Amino acid sequence: MYDEIVIRSRTFTRDDKPTVLALNMIHIRALVALPELLDEAPMPKFRHDLYAERTGKTITAGPERSTARLASTNELEEFGIEVAPDVPVPVLVLRTLYSDEDGPLEVWEDILRPGMWYGGHA
């Protein structure tokens, strides 16, 4: 059995250059309190704060995990990096699991541009 999720993505830029691709995988049960998750527009307030206000439940962050892997073709396109198909390009991936008292609610995954380190330093 699988659970449905909502995926939200953002691209952060610095000096007009994409530096972080951010993905948020959110459990479908969050839609009860946050139906605006389905809207493309930014939310009026940070969604964890809205969720806490509307449900009375606190969202807590698990430890941030970091790993490295090779960038996908899509990620290279998003970053505007052109390389030959057989050239491996490593990226740093930061992942955090957020939960409330009912269990896991959201996973954040930030994919940092090649050459970027945690904190945005090149």
PDB file of N, CA and C in Angstrom:
ATOM      1  N   MET A   1       0.837  -1.173   0.000  1.00  0.00           N
ATOM      2  CA  MET A   1       0.000   0.000   0.000  1.00  0.00           C
ATOM      3  C   MET A   1       0.889   1.247   0.000  1.00  0.00           C
ATOM      4  N   TYR A   2       0.457   2.263  -0.724  1.00  0.00           N
ATOM      5  CA  TYR A   2       1.203   3.504  -0.829  1.00  0.00           C
ATOM      6  C   TYR A   2       0.329   4.665  -0.382  1.00  0.00           C
ATOM      7  N   ASP A   3       0.975   5.696   0.150  1.00  0.00           N
ATOM      8  CA  ASP A   3       0.264   6.908   0.518  1.00  0.00           C
ATOM      9  C   ASP A   3       0.419   7.936  -0.596  1.00  0.00           C
ATOM     10  N   GLU A   4      -0.618   8.729  -0.802  1.00  0.00           N
ATOM     11  CA  GLU A   4      -0.531   9.822  -1.761  1.00  0.00           C
ATOM     12  C   GLU A   4       0.247  10.967  -1.141  1.00  0.00           C
ATOM     13  N   ILE A   5       0.914  11.750  -2.002  1.00  0.00           N
ATOM     14  CA  ILE A   5       1.649  12.911  -1.539  1.00  0.00           C
ATOM     15  C   ILE A   5       1.392  14.093  -2.476  1.00  0.00           C
ATOM     16  N   VAL A   6       1.664  15.270  -1.967  1.00  0.00           N
ATOM     17  CA  VAL A   6       1.668  16.495  -2.748  1.00  0.00           C
ATOM     18  C   VAL A   6       3.130  16.871  -2.909  1.00  0.00           C
ATOM     19  N   ILE A   7       3.540  17.212  -4.115  1.00  0.00           N
ATOM     20  CA  ILE A   7       4.924  17.638  -4.332  1.00  0.00           C
ATOM     21  C   ILE A   7       4.927  19.106  -4.701  1.00  0.00           C
ATOM     22  N   ARG A   8       5.713  19.866  -3.957  1.00  0.00           N
ATOM     23  CA  ARG A   8       5.916  21.285  -4.256  1.00  0.00           C
ATOM     24  C   ARG A   8       7.396  21.461  -4.558  1.00  0.00           C
ATOM     25  N   SER A   9       7.698  22.295  -5.526  1.00  0.00           N
ATOM     26  CA  SER A   9       9.106  22.531  -5.857  1.00  0.00           C
ATOM     27  C   SER A   9       9.352  24.021  -6.025  1.00  0.00           C
ATOM     28  N   ARG A  10      10.578  24.387  -5.716  1.00  0.00           N
ATOM     29  CA  ARG A  10      11.015  25.771  -5.870  1.00  0.00           C
ATOM     30  C   ARG A  10      12.462  25.755  -6.353  1.00  0.00           C
ATOM     31  N   THR A  11      12.847  26.808  -7.024  1.00  0.00           N
ATOM     32  CA  THR A  11      14.237  26.984  -7.421  1.00  0.00           C
ATOM     33  C   THR A  11      14.729  28.275  -6.791  1.00  0.00           C
ATOM     34  N   PHE A  12      15.805  28.169  -6.028  1.00  0.00           N
ATOM     35  CA  PHE A  12      16.405  29.347  -5.409  1.00  0.00           C
ATOM     36  C   PHE A  12      17.560  29.808  -6.288  1.00  0.00           C
ATOM     37  N   THR A  13      17.655  31.118  -6.452  1.00  0.00           N
ATOM     38  CA  THR A  13      18.709  31.672  -7.303  1.00  0.00           C
ATOM     39  C   THR A  13      19.560  32.668  -6.528  1.00  0.00           C
ATOM     40  N   ARG A  14      20.758  32.848  -7.027  1.00  0.00           N
ATOM     41  CA  ARG A  14      21.658  33.888  -6.521  1.00  0.00           C
ATOM     42  C   ARG A  14      22.311  34.499  -7.756  1.00  0.00           C
ATOM     43  N   ASP A  15      22.245  35.807  -7.876  1.00  0.00           N
ATOM     44  CA  ASP A  15      22.784  36.503  -9.051  1.00  0.00           C
ATOM     45  C   ASP A  15      22.228  35.905 -10.339  1.00  0.00           C
ATOM     46  N   ASP A  16      20.922  35.654 -10.356  1.00  0.00           N
ATOM     47  CA  ASP A  16      20.213  35.101 -11.510  1.00  0.00           C
ATOM     48  C   ASP A  16      20.679  33.706 -11.919  1.00  0.00           C
ATOM     49  N   LYS A  17      21.378  33.005 -11.025  1.00  0.00           N
ATOM     50  CA  LYS A  17      21.834  31.648 -11.324  1.00  0.00           C
ATOM     51  C   LYS A  17      21.178  30.681 -10.338  1.00  0.00           C
ATOM     52  N   PRO A  18      20.501  29.620 -10.834  1.00  0.00           N
ATOM     53  CA  PRO A  18      19.901  28.637  -9.925  1.00  0.00           C
ATOM     54  C   PRO A  18      20.969  27.999  -9.040  1.00  0.00           C
ATOM     55  N   THR A  19      20.724  28.005  -7.721  1.00  0.00           N
ATOM     56  CA  THR A  19      21.699  27.442  -6.787  1.00  0.00           C
ATOM     57  C   THR A  19      21.160  26.251  -6.008  1.00  0.00           C
ATOM     58  N   VAL A  20      19.834  26.219  -5.774  1.00  0.00           N
ATOM     59  CA  VAL A  20      19.227  25.121  -5.017  1.00  0.00           C
ATOM     60  C   VAL A  20      17.896  24.755  -5.658  1.00  0.00           C
ATOM     61  N   LEU A  21      17.705  23.460  -5.882  1.00  0.00           N
ATOM     62  CA  LEU A  21      16.415  22.934  -6.310  1.00  0.00           C
ATOM     63  C   LEU A  21      15.784  22.314  -5.079  1.00  0.00           C
ATOM     64  N   ALA A  22      14.657  22.834  -4.662  1.00  0.00           N
ATOM     65  CA  ALA A  22      14.012  22.380  -3.430  1.00  0.00           C
ATOM     66  C   ALA A  22      12.742  21.604  -3.760  1.00  0.00           C
ATOM     67  N   LEU A  23      12.641  20.416  -3.190  1.00  0.00           N
ATOM     68  CA  LEU A  23      11.446  19.584  -3.334  1.00  0.00           C
ATOM     69  C   LEU A  23      10.851  19.352  -1.957  1.00  0.00           C
ATOM     70  N   ASN A  24       9.542  19.441  -1.872  1.00  0.00           N
ATOM     71  CA  ASN A  24       8.834  19.123  -0.640  1.00  0.00           C
ATOM     72  C   ASN A  24       7.804  18.063  -0.973  1.00  0.00           C
ATOM     73  N   MET A  25       7.919  16.908  -0.343  1.00  0.00           N
ATOM     74  CA  MET A  25       6.966  15.824  -0.509  1.00  0.00           C
ATOM     75  C   MET A  25       6.107  15.820   0.749  1.00  0.00           C
ATOM     76  N   ILE A  26       4.819  16.131   0.593  1.00  0.00           N
ATOM     77  CA  ILE A  26       3.937  16.366   1.728  1.00  0.00           C
ATOM     78  C   ILE A  26       2.831  15.312   1.748  1.00  0.00           C
ATOM     79  N   HIS A  27       2.636  14.689   2.898  1.00  0.00           N
ATOM     80  CA  HIS A  27       1.596  13.662   3.042  1.00  0.00           C
ATOM     81  C   HIS A  27       0.236  14.278   2.744  1.00  0.00           C
ATOM     82  N   ILE A  28      -0.599  13.526   2.086  1.00  0.00           N
ATOM     83  CA  ILE A  28      -1.919  14.011   1.650  1.00  0.00           C
ATOM     84  C   ILE A  28      -2.786  14.470   2.826  1.00  0.00           C
ATOM     85  N   ARG A  29      -2.556  13.930   4.036  1.00  0.00           N
ATOM     86  CA  ARG A  29      -3.395  14.330   5.174  1.00  0.00           C
ATOM     87  C   ARG A  29      -3.212  15.798   5.532  1.00  0.00           C
ATOM     88  N   ALA A  30      -2.126  16.421   5.081  1.00  0.00           N
ATOM     89  CA  ALA A  30      -1.915  17.846   5.336  1.00  0.00           C
ATOM     90  C   ALA A  30      -2.934  18.711   4.593  1.00  0.00           C
ATOM     91  N   LEU A  31      -3.529  18.165   3.514  1.00  0.00           N
ATOM     92  CA  LEU A  31      -4.511  18.928   2.735  1.00  0.00           C
ATOM     93  C   LEU A  31      -5.762  19.280   3.523  1.00  0.00           C
ATOM     94  N   VAL A  32      -6.082  18.497   4.527  1.00  0.00           N
ATOM     95  CA  VAL A  32      -7.261  18.802   5.342  1.00  0.00           C
ATOM     96  C   VAL A  32      -7.112  20.190   5.960  1.00  0.00           C
ATOM     97  N   ALA A  33      -5.944  20.471   6.499  1.00  0.00           N
ATOM     98  CA  ALA A  33      -5.686  21.769   7.128  1.00  0.00           C
ATOM     99  C   ALA A  33      -5.177  22.811   6.143  1.00  0.00           C
ATOM    100  N   LEU A  34      -4.527  22.354   5.072  1.00  0.00           N
ATOM    101  CA  LEU A  34      -3.877  23.270   4.139  1.00  0.00           C
ATOM    102  C   LEU A  34      -4.302  22.996   2.691  1.00  0.00           C
ATOM    103  N   PRO A  35      -5.561  23.231   2.355  1.00  0.00           N
ATOM    104  CA  PRO A  35      -5.990  22.968   0.974  1.00  0.00           C
ATOM    105  C   PRO A  35      -5.231  23.816  -0.046  1.00  0.00           C
ATOM    106  N   GLU A  36      -4.681  24.935   0.386  1.00  0.00           N
ATOM    107  CA  GLU A  36      -3.940  25.800  -0.541  1.00  0.00           C
ATOM    108  C   GLU A  36      -2.614  25.192  -0.989  1.00  0.00           C
ATOM    109  N   LEU A  37      -2.239  24.030  -0.442  1.00  0.00           N
ATOM    110  CA  LEU A  37      -1.051  23.323  -0.934  1.00  0.00           C
ATOM    111  C   LEU A  37      -1.178  22.996  -2.419  1.00  0.00           C
ATOM    112  N   LEU A  38      -2.406  22.885  -2.900  1.00  0.00           N
ATOM    113  CA  LEU A  38      -2.629  22.553  -4.305  1.00  0.00           C
ATOM    114  C   LEU A  38      -2.522  23.775  -5.225  1.00  0.00           C
ATOM    115  N   ASP A  39      -2.462  24.958  -4.644  1.00  0.00           N
ATOM    116  CA  ASP A  39      -2.317  26.174  -5.435  1.00  0.00           C
ATOM    117  C   ASP A  39      -0.849  26.384  -5.794  1.00  0.00           C
ATOM    118  N   GLU A  40      -0.601  26.935  -6.971  1.00  0.00           N
ATOM    119  CA  GLU A  40       0.771  27.218  -7.378  1.00  0.00           C
ATOM    120  C   GLU A  40       1.340  28.450  -6.693  1.00  0.00           C
ATOM    121  N   ALA A  41       0.481  29.323  -6.240  1.00  0.00           N
ATOM    122  CA  ALA A  41       0.927  30.578  -5.621  1.00  0.00           C
ATOM    123  C   ALA A  41       1.601  30.306  -4.274  1.00  0.00           C
ATOM    124  N   PRO A  42       2.490  31.211  -3.860  1.00  0.00           N
ATOM    125  CA  PRO A  42       3.082  31.082  -2.527  1.00  0.00           C
ATOM    126  C   PRO A  42       1.983  31.141  -1.463  1.00  0.00           C
ATOM    127  N   MET A  43       2.218  30.474  -0.366  1.00  0.00           N
ATOM    128  CA  MET A  43       1.242  30.482   0.720  1.00  0.00           C
ATOM    129  C   MET A  43       1.365  31.800   1.484  1.00  0.00           C
ATOM    130  N   PRO A  44       0.284  32.242   2.138  1.00  0.00           N
ATOM    131  CA  PRO A  44       0.302  33.532   2.822  1.00  0.00           C
ATOM    132  C   PRO A  44       1.244  33.561   4.028  1.00  0.00           C
ATOM    133  N   LYS A  45       1.598  32.399   4.510  1.00  0.00           N
ATOM    134  CA  LYS A  45       2.426  32.258   5.704  1.00  0.00           C
ATOM    135  C   LYS A  45       3.173  30.940   5.572  1.00  0.00           C
ATOM    136  N   PHE A  46       4.250  30.772   6.323  1.00  0.00           N
ATOM    137  CA  PHE A  46       4.981  29.504   6.292  1.00  0.00           C
ATOM    138  C   PHE A  46       4.021  28.370   6.637  1.00  0.00           C
ATOM    139  N   ARG A  47       3.989  27.336   5.808  1.00  0.00           N
ATOM    140  CA  ARG A  47       2.957  26.297   5.947  1.00  0.00           C
ATOM    141  C   ARG A  47       3.016  25.555   7.265  1.00  0.00           C
ATOM    142  N   HIS A  48       4.191  25.398   7.861  1.00  0.00           N
ATOM    143  CA  HIS A  48       4.250  24.724   9.160  1.00  0.00           C
ATOM    144  C   HIS A  48       3.542  25.556  10.231  1.00  0.00           C
ATOM    145  N   ASP A  49       3.660  26.873  10.145  1.00  0.00           N
ATOM    146  CA  ASP A  49       2.966  27.750  11.095  1.00  0.00           C
ATOM    147  C   ASP A  49       1.452  27.672  10.880  1.00  0.00           C
ATOM    148  N   LEU A  50       1.020  27.711   9.619  1.00  0.00           N
ATOM    149  CA  LEU A  50      -0.412  27.600   9.324  1.00  0.00           C
ATOM    150  C   LEU A  50      -0.964  26.255   9.811  1.00  0.00           C
ATOM    151  N   TYR A  51      -0.212  25.193   9.579  1.00  0.00           N
ATOM    152  CA  TYR A  51      -0.645  23.858   9.997  1.00  0.00           C
ATOM    153  C   TYR A  51      -0.816  23.819  11.514  1.00  0.00           C
ATOM    154  N   ALA A  52       0.150  24.369  12.246  1.00  0.00           N
ATOM    155  CA  ALA A  52       0.070  24.393  13.716  1.00  0.00           C
ATOM    156  C   ALA A  52      -1.130  25.218  14.185  1.00  0.00           C
ATOM    157  N   GLU A  53      -1.357  26.382  13.562  1.00  0.00           N
ATOM    158  CA  GLU A  53      -2.495  27.225  13.936  1.00  0.00           C
ATOM    159  C   GLU A  53      -3.821  26.508  13.706  1.00  0.00           C
ATOM    160  N   ARG A  54      -3.923  25.830  12.581  1.00  0.00           N
ATOM    161  CA  ARG A  54      -5.195  25.225  12.193  1.00  0.00           C
ATOM    162  C   ARG A  54      -5.463  23.873  12.847  1.00  0.00           C
ATOM    163  N   THR A  55      -4.416  23.149  13.224  1.00  0.00           N
ATOM    164  CA  THR A  55      -4.607  21.800  13.786  1.00  0.00           C
ATOM    165  C   THR A  55      -4.263  21.702  15.260  1.00  0.00           C
ATOM    166  N   GLY A  56      -3.484  22.656  15.769  1.00  0.00           N
ATOM    167  CA  GLY A  56      -2.999  22.571  17.150  1.00  0.00           C
ATOM    168  C   GLY A  56      -1.851  21.577  17.301  1.00  0.00           C
ATOM    169  N   LYS A  57      -1.366  21.038  16.188  1.00  0.00           N
ATOM    170  CA  LYS A  57      -0.279  20.059  16.218  1.00  0.00           C
ATOM    171  C   LYS A  57       1.041  20.731  15.867  1.00  0.00           C
ATOM    172  N   THR A  58       2.063  20.347  16.576  1.00  0.00           N
ATOM    173  CA  THR A  58       3.397  20.889  16.335  1.00  0.00           C
ATOM    174  C   THR A  58       4.150  20.001  15.360  1.00  0.00           C
ATOM    175  N   ILE A  59       4.803  20.617  14.397  1.00  0.00           N
ATOM    176  CA  ILE A  59       5.641  19.890  13.458  1.00  0.00           C
ATOM    177  C   ILE A  59       7.081  19.981  13.949  1.00  0.00           C
ATOM    178  N   THR A  60       7.727  18.832  14.052  1.00  0.00           N
ATOM    179  CA  THR A  60       9.122  18.811  14.497  1.00  0.00           C
ATOM    180  C   THR A  60      10.007  18.261  13.379  1.00  0.00           C
ATOM    181  N   ALA A  61      11.209  18.784  13.322  1.00  0.00           N
ATOM    182  CA  ALA A  61      12.175  18.363  12.311  1.00  0.00           C
ATOM    183  C   ALA A  61      13.045  17.249  12.855  1.00  0.00           C
ATOM    184  N   GLY A  62      13.246  16.234  12.043  1.00  0.00           N
ATOM    185  CA  GLY A  62      14.219  15.201  12.370  1.00  0.00           C
ATOM    186  C   GLY A  62      15.601  15.714  12.004  1.00  0.00           C
ATOM    187  N   PRO A  63      16.623  14.904  12.206  1.00  0.00           N
ATOM    188  CA  PRO A  63      17.969  15.356  11.849  1.00  0.00           C
ATOM    189  C   PRO A  63      18.106  15.543  10.338  1.00  0.00           C
ATOM    190  N   GLU A  64      18.869  16.539   9.951  1.00  0.00           N
ATOM    191  CA  GLU A  64      19.137  16.746   8.535  1.00  0.00           C
ATOM    192  C   GLU A  64      20.178  15.727   8.092  1.00  0.00           C
ATOM    193  N   ARG A  65      19.896  15.081   7.000  1.00  0.00           N
ATOM    194  CA  ARG A  65      20.814  14.093   6.434  1.00  0.00           C
ATOM    195  C   ARG A  65      21.399  14.673   5.154  1.00  0.00           C
ATOM    196  N   SER A  66      22.652  14.413   4.917  1.00  0.00           N
ATOM    197  CA  SER A  66      23.253  14.873   3.671  1.00  0.00           C
ATOM    198  C   SER A  66      23.930  13.700   2.975  1.00  0.00           C
ATOM    199  N   THR A  67      23.891  13.762   1.666  1.00  0.00           N
ATOM    200  CA  THR A  67      24.504  12.734   0.840  1.00  0.00           C
ATOM    201  C   THR A  67      24.904  13.384  -0.476  1.00  0.00           C
ATOM    202  N   ALA A  68      25.709  12.683  -1.219  1.00  0.00           N
ATOM    203  CA  ALA A  68      26.075  13.143  -2.557  1.00  0.00           C
ATOM    204  C   ALA A  68      25.640  12.081  -3.556  1.00  0.00           C
ATOM    205  N   ARG A  69      25.300  12.536  -4.735  1.00  0.00           N
ATOM    206  CA  ARG A  69      24.937  11.628  -5.819  1.00  0.00           C
ATOM    207  C   ARG A  69      25.181  12.358  -7.127  1.00  0.00           C
ATOM    208  N   LEU A  70      24.961  11.651  -8.216  1.00  0.00           N
ATOM    209  CA  LEU A  70      25.126  12.276  -9.524  1.00  0.00           C
ATOM    210  C   LEU A  70      23.830  12.981  -9.922  1.00  0.00           C
ATOM    211  N   ALA A  71      23.967  14.149 -10.514  1.00  0.00           N
ATOM    212  CA  ALA A  71      22.803  14.930 -10.945  1.00  0.00           C
ATOM    213  C   ALA A  71      22.084  14.227 -12.082  1.00  0.00           C
ATOM    214  N   SER A  72      20.763  14.353 -12.074  1.00  0.00           N
ATOM    215  CA  SER A  72      19.953  13.830 -13.177  1.00  0.00           C
ATOM    216  C   SER A  72      20.023  14.805 -14.348  1.00  0.00           C
ATOM    217  N   THR A  73      19.620  14.335 -15.504  1.00  0.00           N
ATOM    218  CA  THR A  73      19.574  15.196 -16.688  1.00  0.00           C
ATOM    219  C   THR A  73      18.661  16.387 -16.434  1.00  0.00           C
ATOM    220  N   ASN A  74      17.516  16.147 -15.803  1.00  0.00           N
ATOM    221  CA  ASN A  74      16.573  17.221 -15.494  1.00  0.00           C
ATOM    222  C   ASN A  74      17.207  18.262 -14.561  1.00  0.00           C
ATOM    223  N   GLU A  75      17.932  17.796 -13.541  1.00  0.00           N
ATOM    224  CA  GLU A  75      18.575  18.732 -12.612  1.00  0.00           C
ATOM    225  C   GLU A  75      19.633  19.568 -13.325  1.00  0.00           C
ATOM    226  N   LEU A  76      20.418  18.942 -14.205  1.00  0.00           N
ATOM    227  CA  LEU A  76      21.421  19.700 -14.955  1.00  0.00           C
ATOM    228  C   LEU A  76      20.748  20.769 -15.808  1.00  0.00           C
ATOM    229  N   GLU A  77      19.614  20.422 -16.427  1.00  0.00           N
ATOM    230  CA  GLU A  77      18.864  21.408 -17.212  1.00  0.00           C
ATOM    231  C   GLU A  77      18.371  22.547 -16.333  1.00  0.00           C
ATOM    232  N   GLU A  78      17.820  22.206 -15.154  1.00  0.00           N
ATOM    233  CA  GLU A  78      17.324  23.233 -14.224  1.00  0.00           C
ATOM    234  C   GLU A  78      18.447  24.170 -13.780  1.00  0.00           C
ATOM    235  N   PHE A  79      19.643  23.619 -13.562  1.00  0.00           N
ATOM    236  CA  PHE A  79      20.789  24.429 -13.158  1.00  0.00           C
ATOM    237  C   PHE A  79      21.421  25.169 -14.338  1.00  0.00           C
ATOM    238  N   GLY A  80      21.032  24.815 -15.568  1.00  0.00           N
ATOM    239  CA  GLY A  80      21.617  25.447 -16.751  1.00  0.00           C
ATOM    240  C   GLY A  80      23.033  24.979 -17.013  1.00  0.00           C
ATOM    241  N   ILE A  81      23.322  23.728 -16.676  1.00  0.00           N
ATOM    242  CA  ILE A  81      24.668  23.164 -16.857  1.00  0.00           C
ATOM    243  C   ILE A  81      24.656  22.255 -18.077  1.00  0.00           C
ATOM    244  N   GLU A  82      25.531  22.550 -19.012  1.00  0.00           N
ATOM    245  CA  GLU A  82      25.620  21.738 -20.221  1.00  0.00           C
ATOM    246  C   GLU A  82      26.907  20.926 -20.179  1.00  0.00           C
ATOM    247  N   VAL A  83      26.751  19.608 -20.204  1.00  0.00           N
ATOM    248  CA  VAL A  83      27.886  18.692 -20.252  1.00  0.00           C
ATOM    249  C   VAL A  83      27.521  17.543 -21.182  1.00  0.00           C
ATOM    250  N   ALA A  84      28.519  16.841 -21.629  1.00  0.00           N
ATOM    251  CA  ALA A  84      28.272  15.656 -22.458  1.00  0.00           C
ATOM    252  C   ALA A  84      27.508  14.628 -21.629  1.00  0.00           C
ATOM    253  N   PRO A  85      26.670  13.803 -22.262  1.00  0.00           N
ATOM    254  CA  PRO A  85      25.846  12.834 -21.524  1.00  0.00           C
ATOM    255  C   PRO A  85      26.640  11.864 -20.649  1.00  0.00           C
ATOM    256  N   ASP A  86      27.884  11.584 -21.003  1.00  0.00           N
ATOM    257  CA  ASP A  86      28.660  10.611 -20.235  1.00  0.00           C
ATOM    258  C   ASP A  86      29.519  11.250 -19.138  1.00  0.00           C
ATOM    259  N   VAL A  87      29.341  12.551 -18.890  1.00  0.00           N
ATOM    260  CA  VAL A  87      30.116  13.243 -17.856  1.00  0.00           C
ATOM    261  C   VAL A  87      29.333  13.251 -16.547  1.00  0.00           C
ATOM    262  N   PRO A  88      29.862  12.595 -15.501  1.00  0.00           N
ATOM    263  CA  PRO A  88      29.153  12.595 -14.215  1.00  0.00           C
ATOM    264  C   PRO A  88      29.315  13.940 -13.510  1.00  0.00           C
ATOM    265  N   VAL A  89      28.223  14.433 -12.957  1.00  0.00           N
ATOM    266  CA  VAL A  89      28.239  15.714 -12.249  1.00  0.00           C
ATOM    267  C   VAL A  89      27.664  15.483 -10.847  1.00  0.00           C
ATOM    268  N   PRO A  90      28.512  15.566  -9.799  1.00  0.00           N
ATOM    269  CA  PRO A  90      28.008  15.321  -8.442  1.00  0.00           C
ATOM    270  C   PRO A  90      27.250  16.521  -7.869  1.00  0.00           C
ATOM    271  N   VAL A  91      26.245  16.214  -7.068  1.00  0.00           N
ATOM    272  CA  VAL A  91      25.498  17.235  -6.344  1.00  0.00           C
ATOM    273  C   VAL A  91      25.379  16.806  -4.879  1.00  0.00           C
ATOM    274  N   LEU A  92      25.258  17.781  -4.008  1.00  0.00           N
ATOM    275  CA  LEU A  92      25.008  17.539  -2.591  1.00  0.00           C
ATOM    276  C   LEU A  92      23.504  17.597  -2.371  1.00  0.00           C
ATOM    277  N   VAL A  93      22.967  16.615  -1.638  1.00  0.00           N
ATOM    278  CA  VAL A  93      21.539  16.547  -1.360  1.00  0.00           C
ATOM    279  C   VAL A  93      21.330  16.579   0.150  1.00  0.00           C
ATOM    280  N   LEU A  94      20.504  17.509   0.601  1.00  0.00           N
ATOM    281  CA  LEU A  94      20.165  17.640   2.021  1.00  0.00           C
ATOM    282  C   LEU A  94      18.716  17.221   2.181  1.00  0.00           C
ATOM    283  N   ARG A  95      18.450  16.368   3.166  1.00  0.00           N
ATOM    284  CA  ARG A  95      17.083  15.843   3.353  1.00  0.00           C
ATOM    285  C   ARG A  95      16.711  15.922   4.835  1.00  0.00           C
ATOM    286  N   THR A  96      15.487  16.412   5.084  1.00  0.00           N
ATOM    287  CA  THR A  96      14.964  16.492   6.446  1.00  0.00           C
ATOM    288  C   THR A  96      13.536  15.967   6.452  1.00  0.00           C
ATOM    289  N   LEU A  97      13.225  15.140   7.444  1.00  0.00           N
ATOM    290  CA  LEU A  97      11.882  14.600   7.639  1.00  0.00           C
ATOM    291  C   LEU A  97      11.201  15.392   8.742  1.00  0.00           C
ATOM    292  N   TYR A  98       9.994  15.878   8.463  1.00  0.00           N
ATOM    293  CA  TYR A  98       9.194  16.617   9.435  1.00  0.00           C
ATOM    294  C   TYR A  98       7.999  15.765   9.822  1.00  0.00           C
ATOM    295  N   SER A  99       7.678  15.742  11.112  1.00  0.00           N
ATOM    296  CA  SER A  99       6.580  14.914  11.616  1.00  0.00           C
ATOM    297  C   SER A  99       5.744  15.694  12.608  1.00  0.00           C
ATOM    298  N   ASP A 100       4.493  15.231  12.783  1.00  0.00           N
ATOM    299  CA  ASP A 100       3.671  15.678  13.898  1.00  0.00           C
ATOM    300  C   ASP A 100       3.361  14.442  14.728  1.00  0.00           C
ATOM    301  N   GLU A 101       2.467  14.564  15.705  1.00  0.00           N
ATOM    302  CA  GLU A 101       2.201  13.413  16.578  1.00  0.00           C
ATOM    303  C   GLU A 101       1.537  12.238  15.853  1.00  0.00           C
ATOM    304  N   ASP A 102       1.040  12.471  14.628  1.00  0.00           N
ATOM    305  CA  ASP A 102       0.435  11.387  13.848  1.00  0.00           C
ATOM    306  C   ASP A 102       1.442  10.668  12.953  1.00  0.00           C
ATOM    307  N   GLY A 103       2.677  11.137  12.931  1.00  0.00           N
ATOM    308  CA  GLY A 103       3.714  10.486  12.129  1.00  0.00           C
ATOM    309  C   GLY A 103       4.335  11.415  11.113  1.00  0.00           C
ATOM    310  N   PRO A 104       5.090  10.849  10.171  1.00  0.00           N
ATOM    311  CA  PRO A 104       5.755  11.663   9.146  1.00  0.00           C
ATOM    312  C   PRO A 104       4.742  12.484   8.354  1.00  0.00           C
ATOM    313  N   LEU A 105       5.101  13.737   8.097  1.00  0.00           N
ATOM    314  CA  LEU A 105       4.188  14.643   7.387  1.00  0.00           C
ATOM    315  C   LEU A 105       4.817  15.196   6.109  1.00  0.00           C
ATOM    316  N   GLU A 106       6.125  15.453   6.152  1.00  0.00           N
ATOM    317  CA  GLU A 106       6.746  16.117   5.008  1.00  0.00           C
ATOM    318  C   GLU A 106       8.229  15.783   4.960  1.00  0.00           C
ATOM    319  N   VAL A 107       8.746  15.652   3.746  1.00  0.00           N
ATOM    320  CA  VAL A 107      10.180  15.478   3.522  1.00  0.00           C
ATOM    321  C   VAL A 107      10.648  16.654   2.683  1.00  0.00           C
ATOM    322  N   TRP A 108      11.694  17.314   3.158  1.00  0.00           N
ATOM    323  CA  TRP A 108      12.316  18.389   2.379  1.00  0.00           C
ATOM    324  C   TRP A 108      13.580  17.826   1.762  1.00  0.00           C
ATOM    325  N   GLU A 109      13.788  18.088   0.503  1.00  0.00           N
ATOM    326  CA  GLU A 109      15.018  17.680  -0.166  1.00  0.00           C
ATOM    327  C   GLU A 109      15.544  18.878  -0.947  1.00  0.00           C
ATOM    328  N   ASP A 110      16.742  19.305  -0.603  1.00  0.00           N
ATOM    329  CA  ASP A 110      17.405  20.394  -1.306  1.00  0.00           C
ATOM    330  C   ASP A 110      18.568  19.819  -2.089  1.00  0.00           C
ATOM    331  N   ILE A 111      18.600  20.105  -3.383  1.00  0.00           N
ATOM    332  CA  ILE A 111      19.678  19.649  -4.249  1.00  0.00           C
ATOM    333  C   ILE A 111      20.511  20.885  -4.560  1.00  0.00           C
ATOM    334  N   LEU A 112      21.755  20.868  -4.121  1.00  0.00           N
ATOM    335  CA  LEU A 112      22.620  22.029  -4.287  1.00  0.00           C
ATOM    336  C   LEU A 112      23.367  21.961  -5.609  1.00  0.00           C
ATOM    337  N   ARG A 113      23.483  23.105  -6.244  1.00  0.00           N
ATOM    338  CA  ARG A 113      24.211  23.226  -7.507  1.00  0.00           C
ATOM    339  C   ARG A 113      25.611  22.645  -7.339  1.00  0.00           C
ATOM    340  N   PRO A 114      26.120  21.952  -8.348  1.00  0.00           N
ATOM    341  CA  PRO A 114      27.489  21.447  -8.253  1.00  0.00           C
ATOM    342  C   PRO A 114      28.456  22.564  -7.853  1.00  0.00           C
ATOM    343  N   GLY A 115      29.315  22.260  -6.908  1.00  0.00           N
ATOM    344  CA  GLY A 115      30.271  23.250  -6.403  1.00  0.00           C
ATOM    345  C   GLY A 115      29.761  23.999  -5.186  1.00  0.00           C
ATOM    346  N   MET A 116      28.460  23.882  -4.861  1.00  0.00           N
ATOM    347  CA  MET A 116      27.903  24.562  -3.694  1.00  0.00           C
ATOM    348  C   MET A 116      28.037  23.656  -2.487  1.00  0.00           C
ATOM    349  N   TRP A 117      28.225  24.264  -1.352  1.00  0.00           N
ATOM    350  CA  TRP A 117      28.293  23.538  -0.107  1.00  0.00           C
ATOM    351  C   TRP A 117      27.183  24.008   0.783  1.00  0.00           C
ATOM    352  N   TYR A 118      26.911  23.275   1.810  1.00  0.00           N
ATOM    353  CA  TYR A 118      25.874  23.648   2.766  1.00  0.00           C
ATOM    354  C   TYR A 118      26.098  25.078   3.199  1.00  0.00           C
ATOM    355  N   GLY A 119      25.028  25.837   3.274  1.00  0.00           N
ATOM    356  CA  GLY A 119      25.139  27.254   3.633  1.00  0.00           C
ATOM    357  C   GLY A 119      25.296  28.134   2.409  1.00  0.00           C
ATOM    358  N   GLY A 120      25.355  27.516   1.223  1.00  0.00           N
ATOM    359  CA  GLY A 120      25.397  28.287  -0.003  1.00  0.00           C
ATOM    360  C   GLY A 120      26.764  28.802  -0.391  1.00  0.00           C
ATOM    361  N   HIS A 121      27.827  28.269   0.214  1.00  0.00           N
ATOM    362  CA  HIS A 121      29.168  28.738  -0.121  1.00  0.00           C
ATOM    363  C   HIS A 121      29.737  27.935  -1.276  1.00  0.00           C
ATOM    364  N   ALA A 122      30.337  28.620  -2.212  1.00  0.00           N
ATOM    365  CA  ALA A 122      30.948  27.934  -3.367  1.00  0.00           C
ATOM    366  C   ALA A 122      32.345  27.481  -3.011  1.00  0.00           C
TER     367      ALA A 122
END
